[in-house]
Amino acid sequence: MSAMETLADETEAMESRAERTRPRTPPLLIAAVIVLVLALAAWGLTAYGAGGDSAVSNPASDSADAGFARDMAVHHQQAVEMSYIVRDQTDDEDVRRLAYDVAQTQANQRGMLLGWLDLWGLPKSSSDGYMSWMEGGGHMGHEPKDGSLMPGMATNSELDRLRQLEGKQAEVLYLQLMYDHHMAGVDMARACVRQCDVGTEKRLAEGMVQGQQSEMGLMTSMLKERGSAPR
């Protein structure tokens, strides 16, 4: 088994453990897990550069690999933010559990994406703008809302509204916003599967597609229980 495959297996196992475990102090655990993820990424990519995947060199700054890592890190950060907002706005255990799972998983993945950019020696932002790396114009038929950075992302006014709502109203808005967020995230991840060259990154993107599609199904059911639906 190559170093990159080992890293992917360890990452998958870590995310599985995270979904089954719900600690009392999530922010502290997330910080610790991110440190571990970065260490694993460093180990895996060191082996990768030493010949673990000699067919692929470090990606260029304008590559799909770099663009996906940059943009998905930003996309994930907002999902984590929204999840912590709704956690404090509702007592519903199902919504709080989903929010925790989203925050935990996407914080872990964001740590990997940023760690890879560091190890590749690439900047974490690009003057070309968001999603310019994606074939076909970048937005996959979706346009960002006025005031949002990328398709699927909430606007500042929507985040402010989420902070102001409580109970069922907060739950419905969170589920609708996160459904849109996941839909655009799945499109981005699929683009990486098609366009990226680094095997581990492609496998991470494949996992994002599967995981977020599963959560979208759950969100649809939870919205239906609350007399609502995705927007």
Protein backbone atom coordinates (compact mmCIF):
# COMPACT_ATOMS: atom_id res chain seq x y z
CA MET A 1 0.00 0.00 0.00
CA SER A 2 1.39 3.43 -0.96
CA ALA A 3 1.85 6.27 1.52
CA MET A 4 -0.97 8.22 -0.16
CA GLU A 5 -3.37 5.25 0.13
CA THR A 6 -2.38 4.80 3.77
CA LEU A 7 -3.10 8.49 4.44
CA ALA A 8 -6.51 8.20 2.77
CA ASP A 9 -7.38 5.13 4.85
CA GLU A 10 -6.30 6.85 8.06
CA THR A 11 -8.33 9.94 7.18
CA GLU A 12 -11.43 7.84 6.44
CA ALA A 13 -11.05 5.99 9.73
CA MET A 14 -10.59 9.24 11.65
CA GLU A 15 -13.72 10.78 10.14
CA SER A 16 -15.69 7.62 10.95
CA ARG A 17 -14.58 7.83 14.58
CA ALA A 18 -15.49 11.52 14.67
CA GLU A 19 -19.03 10.78 13.50
CA ARG A 20 -19.51 8.22 16.27
CA THR A 21 -18.01 10.36 19.03
CA ARG A 22 -19.58 13.48 20.49
CA PRO A 23 -17.29 15.08 23.09
CA ARG A 24 -18.30 17.73 25.61
CA THR A 25 -15.95 20.36 24.20
CA PRO A 26 -16.18 20.13 20.37
CA PRO A 27 -14.03 23.23 19.58
CA LEU A 28 -11.08 21.86 21.54
CA LEU A 29 -11.41 18.43 19.99
CA ILE A 30 -11.66 19.90 16.50
CA ALA A 31 -8.45 21.87 17.05
CA ALA A 32 -6.66 18.74 18.19
CA VAL A 33 -7.94 16.69 15.27
CA ILE A 34 -6.87 19.36 12.78
CA VAL A 35 -3.33 19.21 14.18
CA LEU A 36 -3.37 15.44 13.75
CA VAL A 37 -4.72 15.72 10.20
CA LEU A 38 -2.02 18.20 9.25
CA ALA A 39 0.64 15.88 10.64
CA LEU A 40 -0.78 12.96 8.65
CA ALA A 41 -0.95 15.11 5.53
CA ALA A 42 2.66 16.16 5.99
CA TRP A 43 3.78 12.56 6.40
CA GLY A 44 1.79 11.37 3.39
CA LEU A 45 2.88 14.11 1.05
CA THR A 46 6.52 13.76 2.10
CA ALA A 47 6.36 10.14 0.98
CA TYR A 48 4.44 11.25 -2.11
CA GLY A 49 7.22 13.68 -3.05
CA ALA A 50 9.85 11.03 -2.38
CA GLY A 51 8.32 8.66 -4.88
CA GLY A 52 5.09 7.37 -3.33
CA ASP A 53 3.22 8.71 -6.39
CA SER A 54 5.99 9.63 -8.77
CA ALA A 55 3.66 10.10 -11.73
CA VAL A 56 2.40 13.40 -10.27
CA SER A 57 4.56 16.33 -9.15
CA ASN A 58 3.46 19.12 -6.82
CA PRO A 59 0.49 20.92 -8.41
CA ALA A 60 0.89 24.36 -9.99
CA SER A 61 -0.78 27.37 -8.42
CA ASP A 62 -3.33 27.57 -11.24
CA SER A 63 -4.12 23.83 -11.18
CA ALA A 64 -7.48 22.28 -10.32
CA ASP A 65 -5.83 20.66 -7.27
CA ALA A 66 -4.79 24.02 -5.84
CA GLY A 67 -8.03 25.76 -6.83
CA PHE A 68 -10.20 23.09 -5.24
CA ALA A 69 -8.15 23.13 -2.04
CA ARG A 70 -8.44 26.92 -1.74
CA ASP A 71 -12.11 27.23 -2.58
CA MET A 72 -13.37 24.24 -0.64
CA ALA A 73 -11.48 25.42 2.45
CA VAL A 74 -13.42 28.70 2.29
CA HIS A 75 -16.69 26.89 1.54
CA HIS A 76 -16.18 24.51 4.47
CA GLN A 77 -15.38 27.33 6.88
CA GLN A 78 -18.86 28.81 6.45
CA ALA A 79 -20.50 25.42 6.97
CA VAL A 80 -18.65 25.12 10.28
CA GLU A 81 -19.74 28.64 11.25
CA MET A 82 -23.41 28.00 10.45
CA SER A 83 -23.36 24.74 12.36
CA TYR A 84 -22.06 26.37 15.52
CA ILE A 85 -24.62 29.15 15.20
CA VAL A 86 -27.60 26.77 15.06
CA ARG A 87 -26.20 24.65 17.87
CA ASP A 88 -26.77 27.61 20.18
CA GLN A 89 -30.19 28.49 18.72
CA THR A 90 -32.03 25.19 19.25
CA ASP A 91 -32.43 22.43 21.81
CA ASP A 92 -33.45 19.84 19.20
CA GLU A 93 -31.03 16.95 19.55
CA ASP A 94 -31.37 15.76 15.96
CA VAL A 95 -30.46 19.17 14.54
CA ARG A 96 -27.67 19.65 17.06
CA ARG A 97 -26.25 16.20 16.20
CA LEU A 98 -26.33 16.96 12.47
CA ALA A 99 -24.73 20.35 13.05
CA TYR A 100 -21.98 18.76 15.11
CA ASP A 101 -21.32 16.14 12.44
CA VAL A 102 -21.12 18.78 9.71
CA ALA A 103 -18.80 20.99 11.76
CA GLN A 104 -16.54 18.11 12.78
CA THR A 105 -16.21 16.58 9.32
CA GLN A 106 -15.73 19.82 7.43
CA ALA A 107 -13.26 21.27 9.93
CA ASN A 108 -11.17 18.09 9.55
CA GLN A 109 -11.30 18.27 5.76
CA ARG A 110 -10.51 21.98 5.76
CA GLY A 111 -7.38 21.28 7.79
CA MET A 112 -6.24 18.77 5.19
CA LEU A 113 -6.86 21.14 2.27
CA LEU A 114 -4.94 24.00 3.87
CA GLY A 115 -2.18 21.64 4.96
CA TRP A 116 -1.71 20.46 1.38
CA LEU A 117 -1.42 24.05 0.12
CA ASP A 118 1.30 24.69 2.71
CA LEU A 119 3.16 21.55 1.76
CA TRP A 120 2.91 22.38 -1.93
CA GLY A 121 4.26 25.87 -1.18
CA LEU A 122 1.18 27.50 -2.74
CA PRO A 123 -0.81 30.58 -1.63
CA LYS A 124 -4.16 30.13 0.06
CA SER A 125 -5.85 32.71 -2.17
CA SER A 126 -5.77 33.49 -5.87
CA SER A 127 -6.15 36.71 -7.83
CA ASP A 128 -8.12 34.74 -10.43
CA GLY A 129 -11.15 34.63 -8.14
CA TYR A 130 -13.21 31.76 -6.78
CA MET A 131 -13.97 28.68 -8.86
CA SER A 132 -11.98 29.87 -11.88
CA TRP A 133 -10.25 26.46 -11.92
CA MET A 134 -13.49 24.66 -12.77
CA GLU A 135 -14.11 23.69 -16.37
CA GLY A 136 -17.17 25.15 -18.08
CA GLY A 137 -17.11 28.58 -16.46
CA GLY A 138 -16.79 27.48 -12.86
CA HIS A 139 -20.29 27.82 -11.46
CA MET A 140 -21.79 24.61 -12.89
CA GLY A 141 -25.02 26.44 -13.75
CA HIS A 142 -25.27 28.00 -10.27
CA GLU A 143 -24.60 31.64 -9.52
CA PRO A 144 -23.56 33.04 -6.15
CA LYS A 145 -26.22 35.02 -4.34
CA ASP A 146 -25.72 38.75 -4.04
CA GLY A 147 -23.17 39.19 -1.27
CA SER A 148 -21.97 35.57 -1.13
CA LEU A 149 -18.52 34.42 -2.20
CA MET A 150 -19.47 31.27 -4.09
CA PRO A 151 -22.59 29.35 -5.16
CA GLY A 152 -24.32 27.70 -2.23
CA MET A 153 -22.78 30.01 0.35
CA ALA A 154 -25.04 32.08 2.61
CA THR A 155 -24.98 35.85 2.57
CA ASN A 156 -24.06 37.90 5.63
CA SER A 157 -27.72 38.89 6.02
CA GLU A 158 -28.76 35.22 6.03
CA LEU A 159 -26.17 34.44 8.69
CA ASP A 160 -27.39 37.39 10.76
CA ARG A 161 -30.97 36.13 10.46
CA LEU A 162 -29.90 32.65 11.56
CA ARG A 163 -28.32 34.17 14.66
CA GLN A 164 -31.55 35.97 15.50
CA LEU A 165 -33.93 33.01 15.10
CA GLU A 166 -34.56 30.32 17.69
CA GLY A 167 -36.14 26.89 17.87
CA LYS A 168 -37.99 25.55 14.83
CA GLN A 169 -37.43 28.70 12.76
CA ALA A 170 -33.66 28.48 13.27
CA GLU A 171 -33.72 24.76 12.47
CA VAL A 172 -35.58 25.26 9.18
CA LEU A 173 -33.34 28.10 8.01
CA TYR A 174 -30.19 26.18 8.93
CA LEU A 175 -31.36 23.07 7.08
CA GLN A 176 -32.28 25.09 3.99
CA LEU A 177 -29.03 27.02 3.97
CA MET A 178 -26.96 23.90 4.54
CA TYR A 179 -28.83 21.99 1.83
CA ASP A 180 -27.90 24.72 -0.68
CA HIS A 181 -24.36 24.74 0.69
CA HIS A 182 -23.99 20.99 0.22
CA MET A 183 -25.49 21.06 -3.29
CA ALA A 184 -22.82 23.50 -4.49
CA GLY A 185 -20.14 21.66 -2.53
CA VAL A 186 -21.03 18.40 -4.28
CA ASP A 187 -20.64 20.12 -7.67
CA MET A 188 -17.21 21.41 -6.67
CA ALA A 189 -16.11 18.02 -5.39
CA ARG A 190 -17.28 16.29 -8.57
CA ALA A 191 -15.25 18.79 -10.58
CA CYS A 192 -12.16 17.86 -8.56
CA VAL A 193 -12.80 14.17 -9.16
CA ARG A 194 -12.76 14.90 -12.90
CA GLN A 195 -9.99 17.49 -13.01
CA CYS A 196 -7.60 17.00 -10.08
CA ASP A 197 -4.40 14.97 -10.48
CA VAL A 198 -3.38 14.20 -6.88
CA GLY A 199 -4.87 10.83 -6.00
CA THR A 200 -5.46 11.52 -2.32
CA GLU A 201 -7.25 14.78 -3.07
CA LYS A 202 -9.47 13.06 -5.64
CA ARG A 203 -10.38 10.40 -3.08
CA LEU A 204 -11.18 13.06 -0.50
CA ALA A 205 -13.43 14.76 -3.07
CA GLU A 206 -15.18 11.45 -3.79
CA GLY A 207 -15.83 11.06 -0.06
CA MET A 208 -17.26 14.59 0.08
CA VAL A 209 -19.72 13.77 -2.70
CA GLN A 210 -20.95 10.64 -0.94
CA GLY A 211 -21.08 12.17 2.53
CA GLN A 212 -22.80 15.42 1.56
CA GLN A 213 -25.36 13.69 -0.65
CA SER A 214 -26.27 11.45 2.28
CA GLU A 215 -26.64 14.49 4.55
CA MET A 216 -28.79 16.24 1.93
CA GLY A 217 -31.21 13.32 2.07
CA LEU A 218 -31.32 13.60 5.85
CA MET A 219 -31.88 17.37 5.65
CA THR A 220 -34.79 16.86 3.26
CA SER A 221 -36.43 14.45 5.71
CA MET A 222 -35.84 16.78 8.65
CA LEU A 223 -37.34 19.72 6.73
CA LYS A 224 -40.39 17.62 5.84
CA GLU A 225 -40.87 16.80 9.53
CA ARG A 226 -40.96 20.56 10.17
CA GLY A 227 -43.47 21.27 7.41
CA SER A 228 -40.91 22.72 5.03
CA ALA A 229 -38.64 21.77 2.14
CA PRO A 230 -35.35 22.79 0.48
CA ARG A 231 -35.68 26.13 -1.27
